[in-house]
Amino acid sequence: MVKHIVSFKLSGTPDERLAVARKFRDALLALPAVIEPLESIEVGINENPAEDWDVVLTAVLPTMADVEVYAKHPAHVAAAGLLAGHKEARACVDYKF
């Protein structure tokens, strides 16, 4: 099993960042129903104003090859597109557990 953990820092005002984060979260949470190898996904929106990062997701997939399937799936690509013009930074860690 692989945990795919990604954090995003968004640009814009706090209200703009929150609106984008909510749309992104909702799109991501719909993905397990349409991407077969995606076993689960959890998405959190940062509530601590002292921190700079806005969104974190943790996805569980069987293999690293499945992470690639997930990343290239049209529904995932569409969800990621919601961050266009708002993504300031991205950090990712994939590990087997």
PDB file of N, CA and C in Angstrom:
ATOM      1  N   MET A   1       0.847  -1.182   0.000  1.00  0.00           N
ATOM      2  CA  MET A   1       0.000   0.000   0.000  1.00  0.00           C
ATOM      3  C   MET A   1       0.891   1.244   0.000  1.00  0.00           C
ATOM      4  N   VAL A   2       0.368   2.291  -0.635  1.00  0.00           N
ATOM      5  CA  VAL A   2       1.101   3.550  -0.730  1.00  0.00           C
ATOM      6  C   VAL A   2       0.231   4.678  -0.195  1.00  0.00           C
ATOM      7  N   LYS A   3       0.827   5.522   0.628  1.00  0.00           N
ATOM      8  CA  LYS A   3       0.175   6.768   1.026  1.00  0.00           C
ATOM      9  C   LYS A   3       0.787   7.874   0.180  1.00  0.00           C
ATOM     10  N   HIS A   4      -0.090   8.622  -0.450  1.00  0.00           N
ATOM     11  CA  HIS A   4       0.277   9.740  -1.317  1.00  0.00           C
ATOM     12  C   HIS A   4      -0.192  10.988  -0.582  1.00  0.00           C
ATOM     13  N   ILE A   5       0.761  11.765  -0.057  1.00  0.00           N
ATOM     14  CA  ILE A   5       0.424  12.936   0.754  1.00  0.00           C
ATOM     15  C   ILE A   5       0.921  14.178   0.027  1.00  0.00           C
ATOM     16  N   VAL A   6       0.004  15.119  -0.194  1.00  0.00           N
ATOM     17  CA  VAL A   6       0.341  16.324  -0.943  1.00  0.00           C
ATOM     18  C   VAL A   6      -0.187  17.540  -0.186  1.00  0.00           C
ATOM     19  N   SER A   7       0.648  18.567  -0.068  1.00  0.00           N
ATOM     20  CA  SER A   7       0.254  19.839   0.538  1.00  0.00           C
ATOM     21  C   SER A   7       0.339  20.926  -0.514  1.00  0.00           C
ATOM     22  N   PHE A   8      -0.587  21.878  -0.424  1.00  0.00           N
ATOM     23  CA  PHE A   8      -0.638  22.985  -1.363  1.00  0.00           C
ATOM     24  C   PHE A   8      -0.659  24.313  -0.623  1.00  0.00           C
ATOM     25  N   LYS A   9       0.110  25.248  -1.142  1.00  0.00           N
ATOM     26  CA  LYS A   9       0.064  26.628  -0.687  1.00  0.00           C
ATOM     27  C   LYS A   9      -0.584  27.406  -1.829  1.00  0.00           C
ATOM     28  N   LEU A  10      -1.640  28.134  -1.518  1.00  0.00           N
ATOM     29  CA  LEU A  10      -2.398  28.863  -2.534  1.00  0.00           C
ATOM     30  C   LEU A  10      -2.097  30.354  -2.456  1.00  0.00           C
ATOM     31  N   SER A  11      -2.359  31.042  -3.549  1.00  0.00           N
ATOM     32  CA  SER A  11      -2.183  32.489  -3.584  1.00  0.00           C
ATOM     33  C   SER A  11      -3.549  33.162  -3.553  1.00  0.00           C
ATOM     34  N   GLY A  12      -3.548  34.444  -3.213  1.00  0.00           N
ATOM     35  CA  GLY A  12      -4.793  35.208  -3.150  1.00  0.00           C
ATOM     36  C   GLY A  12      -5.093  35.646  -1.734  1.00  0.00           C
ATOM     37  N   THR A  13      -6.230  36.301  -1.602  1.00  0.00           N
ATOM     38  CA  THR A  13      -6.670  36.726  -0.280  1.00  0.00           C
ATOM     39  C   THR A  13      -7.092  35.496   0.521  1.00  0.00           C
ATOM     40  N   PRO A  14      -7.193  35.617   1.832  1.00  0.00           N
ATOM     41  CA  PRO A  14      -7.666  34.467   2.619  1.00  0.00           C
ATOM     42  C   PRO A  14      -9.018  33.937   2.136  1.00  0.00           C
ATOM     43  N   ASP A  15      -9.934  34.828   1.779  1.00  0.00           N
ATOM     44  CA  ASP A  15     -11.251  34.381   1.301  1.00  0.00           C
ATOM     45  C   ASP A  15     -11.142  33.668  -0.043  1.00  0.00           C
ATOM     46  N   GLU A  16     -10.300  34.176  -0.940  1.00  0.00           N
ATOM     47  CA  GLU A  16     -10.103  33.531  -2.238  1.00  0.00           C
ATOM     48  C   GLU A  16      -9.469  32.155  -2.063  1.00  0.00           C
ATOM     49  N   ARG A  17      -8.470  32.072  -1.200  1.00  0.00           N
ATOM     50  CA  ARG A  17      -7.803  30.795  -0.967  1.00  0.00           C
ATOM     51  C   ARG A  17      -8.763  29.777  -0.377  1.00  0.00           C
ATOM     52  N   LEU A  18      -9.607  30.216   0.540  1.00  0.00           N
ATOM     53  CA  LEU A  18     -10.572  29.300   1.148  1.00  0.00           C
ATOM     54  C   LEU A  18     -11.591  28.814   0.123  1.00  0.00           C
ATOM     55  N   ALA A  19     -12.071  29.698  -0.736  1.00  0.00           N
ATOM     56  CA  ALA A  19     -13.045  29.303  -1.760  1.00  0.00           C
ATOM     57  C   ALA A  19     -12.441  28.282  -2.720  1.00  0.00           C
ATOM     58  N   VAL A  20     -11.214  28.514  -3.158  1.00  0.00           N
ATOM     59  CA  VAL A  20     -10.542  27.575  -4.056  1.00  0.00           C
ATOM     60  C   VAL A  20     -10.304  26.251  -3.334  1.00  0.00           C
ATOM     61  N   ALA A  21      -9.846  26.308  -2.094  1.00  0.00           N
ATOM     62  CA  ALA A  21      -9.584  25.091  -1.321  1.00  0.00           C
ATOM     63  C   ALA A  21     -10.852  24.260  -1.164  1.00  0.00           C
ATOM     64  N   ARG A  22     -11.969  24.879  -0.923  1.00  0.00           N
ATOM     65  CA  ARG A  22     -13.234  24.135  -0.757  1.00  0.00           C
ATOM     66  C   ARG A  22     -13.651  23.456  -2.062  1.00  0.00           C
ATOM     67  N   LYS A  23     -13.551  24.162  -3.176  1.00  0.00           N
ATOM     68  CA  LYS A  23     -13.900  23.553  -4.472  1.00  0.00           C
ATOM     69  C   LYS A  23     -12.974  22.378  -4.769  1.00  0.00           C
ATOM     70  N   PHE A  24     -11.693  22.568  -4.513  1.00  0.00           N
ATOM     71  CA  PHE A  24     -10.708  21.519  -4.739  1.00  0.00           C
ATOM     72  C   PHE A  24     -10.997  20.308  -3.854  1.00  0.00           C
ATOM     73  N   ARG A  25     -11.250  20.549  -2.572  1.00  0.00           N
ATOM     74  CA  ARG A  25     -11.574  19.456  -1.637  1.00  0.00           C
ATOM     75  C   ARG A  25     -12.775  18.666  -2.123  1.00  0.00           C
ATOM     76  N   ASP A  26     -13.838  19.357  -2.510  1.00  0.00           N
ATOM     77  CA  ASP A  26     -15.048  18.673  -2.945  1.00  0.00           C
ATOM     78  C   ASP A  26     -14.799  17.821  -4.184  1.00  0.00           C
ATOM     79  N   ALA A  27     -14.003  18.343  -5.116  1.00  0.00           N
ATOM     80  CA  ALA A  27     -13.681  17.571  -6.323  1.00  0.00           C
ATOM     81  C   ALA A  27     -12.852  16.343  -5.979  1.00  0.00           C
ATOM     82  N   LEU A  28     -11.886  16.496  -5.082  1.00  0.00           N
ATOM     83  CA  LEU A  28     -11.051  15.359  -4.693  1.00  0.00           C
ATOM     84  C   LEU A  28     -11.846  14.281  -3.969  1.00  0.00           C
ATOM     85  N   LEU A  29     -12.750  14.693  -3.111  1.00  0.00           N
ATOM     86  CA  LEU A  29     -13.524  13.714  -2.342  1.00  0.00           C
ATOM     87  C   LEU A  29     -14.435  12.861  -3.215  1.00  0.00           C
ATOM     88  N   ALA A  30     -14.731  13.320  -4.426  1.00  0.00           N
ATOM     89  CA  ALA A  30     -15.557  12.547  -5.364  1.00  0.00           C
ATOM     90  C   ALA A  30     -14.743  11.507  -6.138  1.00  0.00           C
ATOM     91  N   LEU A  31     -13.424  11.566  -6.066  1.00  0.00           N
ATOM     92  CA  LEU A  31     -12.580  10.722  -6.912  1.00  0.00           C
ATOM     93  C   LEU A  31     -12.624   9.223  -6.616  1.00  0.00           C
ATOM     94  N   PRO A  32     -12.742   8.764  -5.366  1.00  0.00           N
ATOM     95  CA  PRO A  32     -12.762   7.315  -5.157  1.00  0.00           C
ATOM     96  C   PRO A  32     -13.890   6.600  -5.905  1.00  0.00           C
ATOM     97  N   ALA A  33     -14.961   7.290  -6.195  1.00  0.00           N
ATOM     98  CA  ALA A  33     -16.081   6.675  -6.917  1.00  0.00           C
ATOM     99  C   ALA A  33     -15.780   6.489  -8.403  1.00  0.00           C
ATOM    100  N   VAL A  34     -14.781   7.219  -8.922  1.00  0.00           N
ATOM    101  CA  VAL A  34     -14.511   7.156 -10.360  1.00  0.00           C
ATOM    102  C   VAL A  34     -13.100   6.674 -10.718  1.00  0.00           C
ATOM    103  N   ILE A  35     -12.198   6.612  -9.763  1.00  0.00           N
ATOM    104  CA  ILE A  35     -10.841   6.134 -10.024  1.00  0.00           C
ATOM    105  C   ILE A  35     -10.655   4.828  -9.267  1.00  0.00           C
ATOM    106  N   GLU A  36     -10.684   3.717 -10.008  1.00  0.00           N
ATOM    107  CA  GLU A  36     -10.727   2.395  -9.389  1.00  0.00           C
ATOM    108  C   GLU A  36      -9.622   2.113  -8.375  1.00  0.00           C
ATOM    109  N   PRO A  37      -8.336   2.365  -8.663  1.00  0.00           N
ATOM    110  CA  PRO A  37      -7.345   1.981  -7.653  1.00  0.00           C
ATOM    111  C   PRO A  37      -7.301   2.879  -6.415  1.00  0.00           C
ATOM    112  N   LEU A  38      -7.999   4.000  -6.443  1.00  0.00           N
ATOM    113  CA  LEU A  38      -7.986   4.924  -5.311  1.00  0.00           C
ATOM    114  C   LEU A  38      -8.850   4.353  -4.196  1.00  0.00           C
ATOM    115  N   GLU A  39      -8.195   3.836  -3.159  1.00  0.00           N
ATOM    116  CA  GLU A  39      -8.930   3.189  -2.072  1.00  0.00           C
ATOM    117  C   GLU A  39      -9.590   4.194  -1.139  1.00  0.00           C
ATOM    118  N   SER A  40      -8.899   5.304  -0.874  1.00  0.00           N
ATOM    119  CA  SER A  40      -9.485   6.339  -0.027  1.00  0.00           C
ATOM    120  C   SER A  40      -8.733   7.642  -0.237  1.00  0.00           C
ATOM    121  N   ILE A  41      -9.392   8.732   0.143  1.00  0.00           N
ATOM    122  CA  ILE A  41      -8.746  10.037   0.112  1.00  0.00           C
ATOM    123  C   ILE A  41      -9.320  10.873   1.242  1.00  0.00           C
ATOM    124  N   GLU A  42      -8.441  11.580   1.895  1.00  0.00           N
ATOM    125  CA  GLU A  42      -8.831  12.510   2.967  1.00  0.00           C
ATOM    126  C   GLU A  42      -8.251  13.863   2.586  1.00  0.00           C
ATOM    127  N   VAL A  43      -9.049  14.907   2.732  1.00  0.00           N
ATOM    128  CA  VAL A  43      -8.604  16.248   2.356  1.00  0.00           C
ATOM    129  C   VAL A  43      -8.882  17.191   3.516  1.00  0.00           C
ATOM    130  N   GLY A  44      -7.857  17.922   3.921  1.00  0.00           N
ATOM    131  CA  GLY A  44      -8.013  18.886   5.003  1.00  0.00           C
ATOM    132  C   GLY A  44      -7.667  20.287   4.534  1.00  0.00           C
ATOM    133  N   ILE A  45      -8.459  21.235   5.023  1.00  0.00           N
ATOM    134  CA  ILE A  45      -8.206  22.651   4.771  1.00  0.00           C
ATOM    135  C   ILE A  45      -7.666  23.246   6.062  1.00  0.00           C
ATOM    136  N   ASN A  46      -6.515  23.899   5.973  1.00  0.00           N
ATOM    137  CA  ASN A  46      -5.863  24.445   7.154  1.00  0.00           C
ATOM    138  C   ASN A  46      -6.752  25.473   7.859  1.00  0.00           C
ATOM    139  N   GLU A  47      -6.869  25.330   9.156  1.00  0.00           N
ATOM    140  CA  GLU A  47      -7.646  26.279   9.958  1.00  0.00           C
ATOM    141  C   GLU A  47      -6.759  27.158  10.833  1.00  0.00           C
ATOM    142  N   ASN A  48      -5.443  26.974  10.730  1.00  0.00           N
ATOM    143  CA  ASN A  48      -4.509  27.722  11.557  1.00  0.00           C
ATOM    144  C   ASN A  48      -3.972  28.911  10.769  1.00  0.00           C
ATOM    145  N   PRO A  49      -4.409  30.127  11.060  1.00  0.00           N
ATOM    146  CA  PRO A  49      -3.964  31.290  10.295  1.00  0.00           C
ATOM    147  C   PRO A  49      -2.476  31.607  10.455  1.00  0.00           C
ATOM    148  N   ALA A  50      -1.819  31.002  11.421  1.00  0.00           N
ATOM    149  CA  ALA A  50      -0.387  31.228  11.609  1.00  0.00           C
ATOM    150  C   ALA A  50       0.460  30.394  10.646  1.00  0.00           C
ATOM    151  N   GLU A  51      -0.169  29.474   9.922  1.00  0.00           N
ATOM    152  CA  GLU A  51       0.546  28.604   8.989  1.00  0.00           C
ATOM    153  C   GLU A  51       0.295  29.048   7.548  1.00  0.00           C
ATOM    154  N   ASP A  52       1.256  28.747   6.671  1.00  0.00           N
ATOM    155  CA  ASP A  52       1.204  29.206   5.286  1.00  0.00           C
ATOM    156  C   ASP A  52       0.552  28.239   4.308  1.00  0.00           C
ATOM    157  N   TRP A  53       0.497  26.957   4.631  1.00  0.00           N
ATOM    158  CA  TRP A  53      -0.023  25.954   3.704  1.00  0.00           C
ATOM    159  C   TRP A  53      -1.531  25.845   3.874  1.00  0.00           C
ATOM    160  N   ASP A  54      -2.238  25.644   2.768  1.00  0.00           N
ATOM    161  CA  ASP A  54      -3.702  25.743   2.767  1.00  0.00           C
ATOM    162  C   ASP A  54      -4.445  24.412   2.746  1.00  0.00           C
ATOM    163  N   VAL A  55      -3.944  23.451   1.983  1.00  0.00           N
ATOM    164  CA  VAL A  55      -4.672  22.196   1.774  1.00  0.00           C
ATOM    165  C   VAL A  55      -3.698  21.035   1.872  1.00  0.00           C
ATOM    166  N   VAL A  56      -4.152  19.937   2.462  1.00  0.00           N
ATOM    167  CA  VAL A  56      -3.384  18.704   2.466  1.00  0.00           C
ATOM    168  C   VAL A  56      -4.312  17.557   2.088  1.00  0.00           C
ATOM    169  N   LEU A  57      -3.786  16.632   1.300  1.00  0.00           N
ATOM    170  CA  LEU A  57      -4.568  15.442   0.968  1.00  0.00           C
ATOM    171  C   LEU A  57      -3.728  14.212   1.260  1.00  0.00           C
ATOM    172  N   THR A  58      -4.416  13.174   1.692  1.00  0.00           N
ATOM    173  CA  THR A  58      -3.794  11.868   1.892  1.00  0.00           C
ATOM    174  C   THR A  58      -4.628  10.857   1.132  1.00  0.00           C
ATOM    175  N   ALA A  59      -4.016  10.251   0.123  1.00  0.00           N
ATOM    176  CA  ALA A  59      -4.688   9.226  -0.674  1.00  0.00           C
ATOM    177  C   ALA A  59      -4.016   7.890  -0.409  1.00  0.00           C
ATOM    178  N   VAL A  60      -4.797   6.825  -0.456  1.00  0.00           N
ATOM    179  CA  VAL A  60      -4.265   5.474  -0.266  1.00  0.00           C
ATOM    180  C   VAL A  60      -4.520   4.689  -1.547  1.00  0.00           C
ATOM    181  N   LEU A  61      -3.421   4.132  -2.079  1.00  0.00           N
ATOM    182  CA  LEU A  61      -3.486   3.340  -3.306  1.00  0.00           C
ATOM    183  C   LEU A  61      -2.648   2.078  -3.112  1.00  0.00           C
ATOM    184  N   PRO A  62      -2.941   1.019  -3.868  1.00  0.00           N
ATOM    185  CA  PRO A  62      -2.206  -0.236  -3.661  1.00  0.00           C
ATOM    186  C   PRO A  62      -0.723  -0.171  -4.011  1.00  0.00           C
ATOM    187  N   THR A  63      -0.349   0.503  -5.111  1.00  0.00           N
ATOM    188  CA  THR A  63       1.042   0.491  -5.574  1.00  0.00           C
ATOM    189  C   THR A  63       1.433   1.868  -6.102  1.00  0.00           C
ATOM    190  N   MET A  64       2.737   2.056  -6.310  1.00  0.00           N
ATOM    191  CA  MET A  64       3.207   3.290  -6.926  1.00  0.00           C
ATOM    192  C   MET A  64       2.690   3.414  -8.356  1.00  0.00           C
ATOM    193  N   ALA A  65       2.535   2.293  -9.055  1.00  0.00           N
ATOM    194  CA  ALA A  65       1.963   2.333 -10.410  1.00  0.00           C
ATOM    195  C   ALA A  65       0.538   2.878 -10.359  1.00  0.00           C
ATOM    196  N   ASP A  66      -0.202   2.546  -9.307  1.00  0.00           N
ATOM    197  CA  ASP A  66      -1.564   3.058  -9.155  1.00  0.00           C
ATOM    198  C   ASP A  66      -1.575   4.553  -8.866  1.00  0.00           C
ATOM    199  N   VAL A  67      -0.534   5.060  -8.204  1.00  0.00           N
ATOM    200  CA  VAL A  67      -0.418   6.512  -7.990  1.00  0.00           C
ATOM    201  C   VAL A  67      -0.355   7.203  -9.354  1.00  0.00           C
ATOM    202  N   GLU A  68       0.382   6.618 -10.288  1.00  0.00           N
ATOM    203  CA  GLU A  68       0.491   7.176 -11.642  1.00  0.00           C
ATOM    204  C   GLU A  68      -0.858   7.127 -12.369  1.00  0.00           C
ATOM    205  N   VAL A  69      -1.594   6.026 -12.215  1.00  0.00           N
ATOM    206  CA  VAL A  69      -2.932   5.912 -12.817  1.00  0.00           C
ATOM    207  C   VAL A  69      -3.834   7.010 -12.268  1.00  0.00           C
ATOM    208  N   TYR A  70      -3.817   7.178 -10.959  1.00  0.00           N
ATOM    209  CA  TYR A  70      -4.596   8.224 -10.288  1.00  0.00           C
ATOM    210  C   TYR A  70      -4.216   9.603 -10.816  1.00  0.00           C
ATOM    211  N   ALA A  71      -2.920   9.881 -10.907  1.00  0.00           N
ATOM    212  CA  ALA A  71      -2.443  11.204 -11.320  1.00  0.00           C
ATOM    213  C   ALA A  71      -2.869  11.555 -12.739  1.00  0.00           C
ATOM    214  N   LYS A  72      -2.931  10.578 -13.613  1.00  0.00           N
ATOM    215  CA  LYS A  72      -3.260  10.821 -15.020  1.00  0.00           C
ATOM    216  C   LYS A  72      -4.752  10.702 -15.337  1.00  0.00           C
ATOM    217  N   HIS A  73      -5.538  10.231 -14.388  1.00  0.00           N
ATOM    218  CA  HIS A  73      -6.977  10.046 -14.637  1.00  0.00           C
ATOM    219  C   HIS A  73      -7.628  11.397 -14.940  1.00  0.00           C
ATOM    220  N   PRO A  74      -8.508  11.451 -15.949  1.00  0.00           N
ATOM    221  CA  PRO A  74      -9.139  12.730 -16.315  1.00  0.00           C
ATOM    222  C   PRO A  74      -9.877  13.425 -15.165  1.00  0.00           C
ATOM    223  N   ALA A  75     -10.473  12.667 -14.268  1.00  0.00           N
ATOM    224  CA  ALA A  75     -11.180  13.294 -13.141  1.00  0.00           C
ATOM    225  C   ALA A  75     -10.187  13.959 -12.183  1.00  0.00           C
ATOM    226  N   HIS A  76      -9.033  13.345 -11.995  1.00  0.00           N
ATOM    227  CA  HIS A  76      -8.000  13.952 -11.152  1.00  0.00           C
ATOM    228  C   HIS A  76      -7.407  15.179 -11.831  1.00  0.00           C
ATOM    229  N   VAL A  77      -7.155  15.068 -13.123  1.00  0.00           N
ATOM    230  CA  VAL A  77      -6.618  16.208 -13.879  1.00  0.00           C
ATOM    231  C   VAL A  77      -7.586  17.395 -13.791  1.00  0.00           C
ATOM    232  N   ALA A  78      -8.882  17.121 -13.896  1.00  0.00           N
ATOM    233  CA  ALA A  78      -9.887  18.195 -13.792  1.00  0.00           C
ATOM    234  C   ALA A  78      -9.886  18.810 -12.400  1.00  0.00           C
ATOM    235  N   ALA A  79      -9.775  17.979 -11.369  1.00  0.00           N
ATOM    236  CA  ALA A  79      -9.732  18.497  -9.994  1.00  0.00           C
ATOM    237  C   ALA A  79      -8.496  19.374  -9.809  1.00  0.00           C
ATOM    238  N   ALA A  80      -7.345  18.900 -10.281  1.00  0.00           N
ATOM    239  CA  ALA A  80      -6.114  19.677 -10.159  1.00  0.00           C
ATOM    240  C   ALA A  80      -6.217  20.996 -10.922  1.00  0.00           C
ATOM    241  N   GLY A  81      -6.981  20.996 -12.003  1.00  0.00           N
ATOM    242  CA  GLY A  81      -7.168  22.209 -12.787  1.00  0.00           C
ATOM    243  C   GLY A  81      -7.868  23.319 -12.025  1.00  0.00           C
ATOM    244  N   LEU A  82      -8.573  22.964 -10.975  1.00  0.00           N
ATOM    245  CA  LEU A  82      -9.243  23.977 -10.156  1.00  0.00           C
ATOM    246  C   LEU A  82      -8.242  24.888  -9.451  1.00  0.00           C
ATOM    247  N   LEU A  83      -6.996  24.431  -9.356  1.00  0.00           N
ATOM    248  CA  LEU A  83      -5.959  25.237  -8.703  1.00  0.00           C
ATOM    249  C   LEU A  83      -5.236  26.171  -9.669  1.00  0.00           C
ATOM    250  N   ALA A  84      -5.566  26.085 -10.946  1.00  0.00           N
ATOM    251  CA  ALA A  84      -4.889  26.912 -11.955  1.00  0.00           C
ATOM    252  C   ALA A  84      -4.968  28.389 -11.566  1.00  0.00           C
ATOM    253  N   GLY A  85      -3.820  29.021 -11.570  1.00  0.00           N
ATOM    254  CA  GLY A  85      -3.753  30.428 -11.207  1.00  0.00           C
ATOM    255  C   GLY A  85      -3.758  30.700  -9.717  1.00  0.00           C
ATOM    256  N   HIS A  86      -3.870  29.639  -8.911  1.00  0.00           N
ATOM    257  CA  HIS A  86      -3.927  29.801  -7.454  1.00  0.00           C
ATOM    258  C   HIS A  86      -2.836  29.026  -6.721  1.00  0.00           C
ATOM    259  N   LYS A  87      -2.195  28.074  -7.398  1.00  0.00           N
ATOM    260  CA  LYS A  87      -1.197  27.220  -6.741  1.00  0.00           C
ATOM    261  C   LYS A  87       0.137  27.950  -6.657  1.00  0.00           C
ATOM    262  N   GLU A  88       0.544  28.252  -5.449  1.00  0.00           N
ATOM    263  CA  GLU A  88       1.832  28.910  -5.210  1.00  0.00           C
ATOM    264  C   GLU A  88       2.936  27.876  -5.016  1.00  0.00           C
ATOM    265  N   ALA A  89       2.616  26.781  -4.323  1.00  0.00           N
ATOM    266  CA  ALA A  89       3.613  25.738  -4.071  1.00  0.00           C
ATOM    267  C   ALA A  89       2.910  24.409  -3.823  1.00  0.00           C
ATOM    268  N   ARG A  90       3.653  23.328  -4.086  1.00  0.00           N
ATOM    269  CA  ARG A  90       3.158  21.961  -3.873  1.00  0.00           C
ATOM    270  C   ARG A  90       4.298  21.144  -3.289  1.00  0.00           C
ATOM    271  N   ALA A  91       3.985  20.309  -2.300  1.00  0.00           N
ATOM    272  CA  ALA A  91       4.954  19.379  -1.730  1.00  0.00           C
ATOM    273  C   ALA A  91       4.303  18.004  -1.658  1.00  0.00           C
ATOM    274  N   CYS A  92       5.052  16.975  -2.014  1.00  0.00           N
ATOM    275  CA  CYS A  92       4.478  15.626  -2.074  1.00  0.00           C
ATOM    276  C   CYS A  92       5.431  14.598  -1.461  1.00  0.00           C
ATOM    277  N   VAL A  93       4.849  13.625  -0.765  1.00  0.00           N
ATOM    278  CA  VAL A  93       5.579  12.472  -0.262  1.00  0.00           C
ATOM    279  C   VAL A  93       4.731  11.247  -0.556  1.00  0.00           C
ATOM    280  N   ASP A  94       5.368  10.223  -1.157  1.00  0.00           N
ATOM    281  CA  ASP A  94       4.719   8.935  -1.388  1.00  0.00           C
ATOM    282  C   ASP A  94       5.529   7.888  -0.632  1.00  0.00           C
ATOM    283  N   TYR A  95       4.847   7.094   0.190  1.00  0.00           N
ATOM    284  CA  TYR A  95       5.596   6.051   0.906  1.00  0.00           C
ATOM    285  C   TYR A  95       4.751   4.803   1.062  1.00  0.00           C
ATOM    286  N   LYS A  96       5.458   3.673   1.106  1.00  0.00           N
ATOM    287  CA  LYS A  96       4.797   2.383   1.305  1.00  0.00           C
ATOM    288  C   LYS A  96       4.574   2.163   2.788  1.00  0.00           C
ATOM    289  N   PHE A  97       3.472   1.551   3.099  1.00  0.00           N
ATOM    290  CA  PHE A  97       3.202   1.210   4.505  1.00  0.00           C
ATOM    291  C   PHE A  97       2.584  -0.147   4.593  1.00  0.00           C
TER     292      PHE A  97
END
